Amino acid sequence: MTTYTALPIPPAALRELRVSDDSGRPPHPYTAREDGDPVDCVGSPLRCCLRAIEPGERVALVSYAPLRRWAAETGAAPGAYDEAGPVFIHADACPGPRDTDGYPFARPGALRTIRRYDAAGHIVGGRLFEIPADADAGAGFDRAFDEAFAVREVALVHVRAVEYGCFHFAVPRP
């Protein structure tokens, strides 16, 4: 059981990303293979359905600008805080997250950044977060989000991988 809601890339954005990504490039779908050809991706996070890539799935690595898309919906103006990065998505429409119990990609010991944004889309803080190895990962995430949303200005949190900087999921203020 989790306290906060982890959001995948919204369906409307996924439809657009399957045509042209947020850097203006068309996707190049391929079948995920355990031998890593053409891209080593099996086990990597899918941001459309918040689970790991399985062998045999058709996927694409696309550039995604989550803050830009959120800003377009809310009227925010992130300016220089807008950024795009690589994410894996299914090459074709998928049903979205299957299991909403627990936070996605919660591998014990993995390092994440918990990046905080205000209603204007500006960064108002963040921190390094190591997913607990000896405790409930969900409780660890809950504490990190409690801390983030204790700051009155925080409207949205992004969880990102430290090693590649890529977006994992968003958490809105409850």
C-alpha atoms as a PDB file:
ATOM      1  CA  MET A   1       0.000   0.000   0.000  1.00  0.00           C
ATOM      2  CA  THR A   2       1.331   3.434  -0.942  1.00  0.00           C
ATOM      3  CA  THR A   3       0.323   6.881   0.233  1.00  0.00           C
ATOM      4  CA  TYR A   4       1.036   8.747  -3.007  1.00  0.00           C
ATOM      5  CA  THR A   5       0.109   8.103  -6.629  1.00  0.00           C
ATOM      6  CA  ALA A   6       2.881   7.321  -9.120  1.00  0.00           C
ATOM      7  CA  LEU A   7       1.796   8.526 -12.556  1.00  0.00           C
ATOM      8  CA  PRO A   8       2.946   6.986 -15.843  1.00  0.00           C
ATOM      9  CA  ILE A   9       3.302   9.024 -19.023  1.00  0.00           C
ATOM     10  CA  PRO A  10      -0.291  10.050 -19.876  1.00  0.00           C
ATOM     11  CA  PRO A  11      -2.018   8.208 -22.775  1.00  0.00           C
ATOM     12  CA  ALA A  12      -2.355  11.360 -24.922  1.00  0.00           C
ATOM     13  CA  ALA A  13       1.383  12.054 -24.593  1.00  0.00           C
ATOM     14  CA  LEU A  14       2.169   8.411 -25.439  1.00  0.00           C
ATOM     15  CA  ARG A  15       0.140   8.652 -28.664  1.00  0.00           C
ATOM     16  CA  GLU A  16       2.205  11.692 -29.668  1.00  0.00           C
ATOM     17  CA  LEU A  17       5.530  10.148 -28.614  1.00  0.00           C
ATOM     18  CA  ARG A  18       4.821   7.115 -30.814  1.00  0.00           C
ATOM     19  CA  VAL A  19       4.769   9.497 -33.796  1.00  0.00           C
ATOM     20  CA  SER A  20       7.431  12.033 -32.818  1.00  0.00           C
ATOM     21  CA  ASP A  21       9.304  12.359 -29.539  1.00  0.00           C
ATOM     22  CA  ASP A  22       9.845  15.558 -27.563  1.00  0.00           C
ATOM     23  CA  SER A  23      13.071  16.247 -29.457  1.00  0.00           C
ATOM     24  CA  GLY A  24      11.216  16.050 -32.783  1.00  0.00           C
ATOM     25  CA  ARG A  25      12.485  12.617 -33.845  1.00  0.00           C
ATOM     26  CA  PRO A  26      10.370   9.678 -34.977  1.00  0.00           C
ATOM     27  CA  PRO A  27      10.683   6.596 -32.780  1.00  0.00           C
ATOM     28  CA  HIS A  28      12.582   3.527 -33.990  1.00  0.00           C
ATOM     29  CA  PRO A  29      10.758   0.545 -32.454  1.00  0.00           C
ATOM     30  CA  TYR A  30      12.464  -2.800 -31.992  1.00  0.00           C
ATOM     31  CA  THR A  31      11.922  -6.085 -30.221  1.00  0.00           C
ATOM     32  CA  ALA A  32      13.559  -6.365 -26.799  1.00  0.00           C
ATOM     33  CA  ARG A  33      15.993  -9.287 -26.753  1.00  0.00           C
ATOM     34  CA  GLU A  34      17.875 -10.858 -23.886  1.00  0.00           C
ATOM     35  CA  ASP A  35      21.126 -10.680 -25.869  1.00  0.00           C
ATOM     36  CA  GLY A  36      20.844  -6.872 -25.871  1.00  0.00           C
ATOM     37  CA  ASP A  37      20.620  -6.517 -29.653  1.00  0.00           C
ATOM     38  CA  PRO A  38      19.973  -3.813 -30.826  1.00  0.00           C
ATOM     39  CA  VAL A  39      19.642  -2.122 -27.407  1.00  0.00           C
ATOM     40  CA  ASP A  40      20.230  -3.657 -23.990  1.00  0.00           C
ATOM     41  CA  CYS A  41      16.836  -2.939 -22.448  1.00  0.00           C
ATOM     42  CA  VAL A  42      15.292  -6.105 -20.979  1.00  0.00           C
ATOM     43  CA  GLY A  43      14.501  -5.279 -17.359  1.00  0.00           C
ATOM     44  CA  SER A  44      14.555  -1.519 -17.988  1.00  0.00           C
ATOM     45  CA  PRO A  45      11.577   0.594 -16.895  1.00  0.00           C
ATOM     46  CA  LEU A  46       8.641   1.183 -19.225  1.00  0.00           C
ATOM     47  CA  ARG A  47       7.173   4.598 -18.439  1.00  0.00           C
ATOM     48  CA  CYS A  48       3.863   3.835 -20.153  1.00  0.00           C
ATOM     49  CA  CYS A  49       2.868   1.009 -17.826  1.00  0.00           C
ATOM     50  CA  LEU A  50       5.376   1.380 -14.956  1.00  0.00           C
ATOM     51  CA  ARG A  51       6.923  -2.086 -15.164  1.00  0.00           C
ATOM     52  CA  ALA A  52      10.072  -3.681 -16.533  1.00  0.00           C
ATOM     53  CA  ILE A  53      10.574  -4.581 -20.196  1.00  0.00           C
ATOM     54  CA  GLU A  54      10.189  -8.285 -20.897  1.00  0.00           C
ATOM     55  CA  PRO A  55      11.911 -10.183 -23.726  1.00  0.00           C
ATOM     56  CA  GLY A  56       9.921 -10.153 -26.957  1.00  0.00           C
ATOM     57  CA  GLU A  57       8.135  -6.853 -26.346  1.00  0.00           C
ATOM     58  CA  ARG A  58       8.104  -4.148 -29.019  1.00  0.00           C
ATOM     59  CA  VAL A  59       9.544  -1.009 -27.444  1.00  0.00           C
ATOM     60  CA  ALA A  60      11.025   2.341 -28.397  1.00  0.00           C
ATOM     61  CA  LEU A  61      13.520   4.623 -26.685  1.00  0.00           C
ATOM     62  CA  VAL A  62      12.210   8.176 -27.032  1.00  0.00           C
ATOM     63  CA  SER A  63      13.003  11.625 -25.726  1.00  0.00           C
ATOM     64  CA  TYR A  64      10.411  12.805 -23.205  1.00  0.00           C
ATOM     65  CA  ALA A  65       9.982  16.230 -21.579  1.00  0.00           C
ATOM     66  CA  PRO A  66       7.660  15.581 -18.619  1.00  0.00           C
ATOM     67  CA  LEU A  67       7.790  19.083 -17.162  1.00  0.00           C
ATOM     68  CA  ARG A  68       7.100  20.686 -20.557  1.00  0.00           C
ATOM     69  CA  ARG A  69       4.008  18.542 -21.017  1.00  0.00           C
ATOM     70  CA  TRP A  70       2.800  19.185 -17.436  1.00  0.00           C
ATOM     71  CA  ALA A  71       3.341  22.912 -17.968  1.00  0.00           C
ATOM     72  CA  ALA A  72       1.253  22.865 -21.153  1.00  0.00           C
ATOM     73  CA  GLU A  73      -1.646  21.373 -19.158  1.00  0.00           C
ATOM     74  CA  THR A  74      -1.335  23.675 -16.143  1.00  0.00           C
ATOM     75  CA  GLY A  75      -0.187  26.956 -17.679  1.00  0.00           C
ATOM     76  CA  ALA A  76       3.179  26.811 -15.907  1.00  0.00           C
ATOM     77  CA  ALA A  77       6.281  28.300 -17.543  1.00  0.00           C
ATOM     78  CA  PRO A  78       9.311  26.235 -16.501  1.00  0.00           C
ATOM     79  CA  GLY A  79      11.730  28.142 -18.733  1.00  0.00           C
ATOM     80  CA  ALA A  80      15.260  26.825 -18.242  1.00  0.00           C
ATOM     81  CA  TYR A  81      13.987  24.006 -15.984  1.00  0.00           C
ATOM     82  CA  ASP A  82      12.421  22.291 -18.982  1.00  0.00           C
ATOM     83  CA  GLU A  83      14.424  19.244 -19.983  1.00  0.00           C
ATOM     84  CA  ALA A  84      14.021  16.154 -22.127  1.00  0.00           C
ATOM     85  CA  GLY A  85      15.547  12.760 -21.516  1.00  0.00           C
ATOM     86  CA  PRO A  86      15.424   9.150 -22.661  1.00  0.00           C
ATOM     87  CA  VAL A  87      12.578   6.842 -21.653  1.00  0.00           C
ATOM     88  CA  PHE A  88      11.408   3.442 -22.849  1.00  0.00           C
ATOM     89  CA  ILE A  89       7.791   3.034 -23.908  1.00  0.00           C
ATOM     90  CA  HIS A  90       5.840   0.293 -25.655  1.00  0.00           C
ATOM     91  CA  ALA A  91       5.973   0.856 -29.403  1.00  0.00           C
ATOM     92  CA  ASP A  92       2.210   0.305 -29.595  1.00  0.00           C
ATOM     93  CA  ALA A  93      -0.633   1.184 -27.262  1.00  0.00           C
ATOM     94  CA  CYS A  94      -0.634  -0.711 -23.979  1.00  0.00           C
ATOM     95  CA  PRO A  95      -3.237  -0.923 -21.219  1.00  0.00           C
ATOM     96  CA  GLY A  96      -1.143   1.124 -18.784  1.00  0.00           C
ATOM     97  CA  PRO A  97      -0.113   0.072 -15.281  1.00  0.00           C
ATOM     98  CA  ARG A  98      -1.326  -3.377 -14.245  1.00  0.00           C
ATOM     99  CA  ASP A  99      -0.403  -3.214 -10.591  1.00  0.00           C
ATOM    100  CA  THR A 100      -0.803   0.014  -8.668  1.00  0.00           C
ATOM    101  CA  ASP A 101       0.152  -1.446  -5.301  1.00  0.00           C
ATOM    102  CA  GLY A 102       3.605  -0.156  -4.437  1.00  0.00           C
ATOM    103  CA  TYR A 103       5.933   2.235  -6.198  1.00  0.00           C
ATOM    104  CA  PRO A 104       7.388   1.204  -9.547  1.00  0.00           C
ATOM    105  CA  PHE A 105      11.060   0.442 -10.126  1.00  0.00           C
ATOM    106  CA  ALA A 106      11.698   0.146  -6.367  1.00  0.00           C
ATOM    107  CA  ARG A 107      14.838  -1.981  -6.544  1.00  0.00           C
ATOM    108  CA  PRO A 108      16.473  -1.959  -3.089  1.00  0.00           C
ATOM    109  CA  GLY A 109      19.699   0.020  -3.053  1.00  0.00           C
ATOM    110  CA  ALA A 110      18.941   1.930  -6.271  1.00  0.00           C
ATOM    111  CA  LEU A 111      19.644   5.657  -6.183  1.00  0.00           C
ATOM    112  CA  ARG A 112      16.989   8.148  -7.247  1.00  0.00           C
ATOM    113  CA  THR A 113      16.575  11.888  -7.218  1.00  0.00           C
ATOM    114  CA  ILE A 114      13.384  13.272  -5.777  1.00  0.00           C
ATOM    115  CA  ARG A 115      13.051  16.553  -7.682  1.00  0.00           C
ATOM    116  CA  ARG A 116      10.496  19.101  -6.477  1.00  0.00           C
ATOM    117  CA  TYR A 117       8.695  21.658  -8.655  1.00  0.00           C
ATOM    118  CA  ASP A 118       6.407  24.550  -7.803  1.00  0.00           C
ATOM    119  CA  ALA A 119       3.232  25.530  -9.692  1.00  0.00           C
ATOM    120  CA  ALA A 120       5.295  27.664 -12.098  1.00  0.00           C
ATOM    121  CA  GLY A 121       7.406  24.634 -13.033  1.00  0.00           C
ATOM    122  CA  HIS A 122      10.553  25.847 -11.281  1.00  0.00           C
ATOM    123  CA  ILE A 123      12.745  23.534  -9.218  1.00  0.00           C
ATOM    124  CA  VAL A 124      12.286  24.274  -5.513  1.00  0.00           C
ATOM    125  CA  GLY A 125      14.540  21.563  -4.203  1.00  0.00           C
ATOM    126  CA  GLY A 126      15.338  17.941  -4.392  1.00  0.00           C
ATOM    127  CA  ARG A 127      17.356  15.259  -2.798  1.00  0.00           C
ATOM    128  CA  LEU A 128      19.166  12.030  -3.333  1.00  0.00           C
ATOM    129  CA  PHE A 129      17.157   8.996  -2.255  1.00  0.00           C
ATOM    130  CA  GLU A 130      18.439   5.460  -1.837  1.00  0.00           C
ATOM    131  CA  ILE A 131      15.666   2.896  -1.983  1.00  0.00           C
ATOM    132  CA  PRO A 132      15.862   1.078   1.353  1.00  0.00           C
ATOM    133  CA  ALA A 133      17.279  -2.437   1.196  1.00  0.00           C
ATOM    134  CA  ASP A 134      16.356  -3.529   4.696  1.00  0.00           C
ATOM    135  CA  ALA A 135      12.927  -1.942   5.049  1.00  0.00           C
ATOM    136  CA  ASP A 136       9.757  -1.535   3.069  1.00  0.00           C
ATOM    137  CA  ALA A 137      10.652   0.431  -0.087  1.00  0.00           C
ATOM    138  CA  GLY A 138       7.151   1.912  -0.141  1.00  0.00           C
ATOM    139  CA  ALA A 139       7.593   3.359   3.333  1.00  0.00           C
ATOM    140  CA  GLY A 140      10.900   4.883   2.243  1.00  0.00           C
ATOM    141  CA  PHE A 141       9.284   6.523  -0.781  1.00  0.00           C
ATOM    142  CA  ASP A 142       6.381   7.704   1.395  1.00  0.00           C
ATOM    143  CA  ARG A 143       8.821   9.422   3.776  1.00  0.00           C
ATOM    144  CA  ALA A 144      10.628  11.094   0.855  1.00  0.00           C
ATOM    145  CA  PHE A 145       7.335  12.334  -0.601  1.00  0.00           C
ATOM    146  CA  ASP A 146       6.105  13.465   2.843  1.00  0.00           C
ATOM    147  CA  GLU A 147       9.284  15.527   3.113  1.00  0.00           C
ATOM    148  CA  ALA A 148       8.849  16.966  -0.385  1.00  0.00           C
ATOM    149  CA  PHE A 149       5.198  17.932   0.061  1.00  0.00           C
ATOM    150  CA  ALA A 150       5.877  19.420   3.502  1.00  0.00           C
ATOM    151  CA  VAL A 151       7.258  22.349   1.498  1.00  0.00           C
ATOM    152  CA  ARG A 152       4.128  24.362   0.770  1.00  0.00           C
ATOM    153  CA  GLU A 153       5.278  25.481  -2.697  1.00  0.00           C
ATOM    154  CA  VAL A 154       5.795  21.948  -4.035  1.00  0.00           C
ATOM    155  CA  ALA A 155       3.115  21.063  -6.591  1.00  0.00           C
ATOM    156  CA  LEU A 156       4.778  18.124  -8.311  1.00  0.00           C
ATOM    157  CA  VAL A 157       7.612  15.674  -7.733  1.00  0.00           C
ATOM    158  CA  HIS A 158       9.612  13.813 -10.354  1.00  0.00           C
ATOM    159  CA  VAL A 159      11.465  10.624  -9.516  1.00  0.00           C
ATOM    160  CA  ARG A 160      14.534  10.149 -11.698  1.00  0.00           C
ATOM    161  CA  ALA A 161      17.346   7.646 -11.992  1.00  0.00           C
ATOM    162  CA  VAL A 162      20.673   8.962 -10.756  1.00  0.00           C
ATOM    163  CA  GLU A 163      22.855   7.028 -13.183  1.00  0.00           C
ATOM    164  CA  TYR A 164      21.158   8.265 -16.394  1.00  0.00           C
ATOM    165  CA  GLY A 165      19.017  11.140 -15.109  1.00  0.00           C
ATOM    166  CA  CYS A 166      15.984   9.716 -16.863  1.00  0.00           C
ATOM    167  CA  PHE A 167      12.453  10.279 -15.654  1.00  0.00           C
ATOM    168  CA  HIS A 168      10.798   7.349 -13.865  1.00  0.00           C
ATOM    169  CA  PHE A 169       7.445   8.715 -12.721  1.00  0.00           C
ATOM    170  CA  ALA A 170       5.649  11.815 -11.441  1.00  0.00           C
ATOM    171  CA  VAL A 171       3.844  12.255  -8.147  1.00  0.00           C
ATOM    172  CA  PRO A 172       1.343  15.144  -7.894  1.00  0.00           C
ATOM    173  CA  ARG A 173       0.503  16.918  -4.669  1.00  0.00           C
ATOM    174  CA  PRO A 174      -2.332  14.923  -3.107  1.00  0.00           C
END
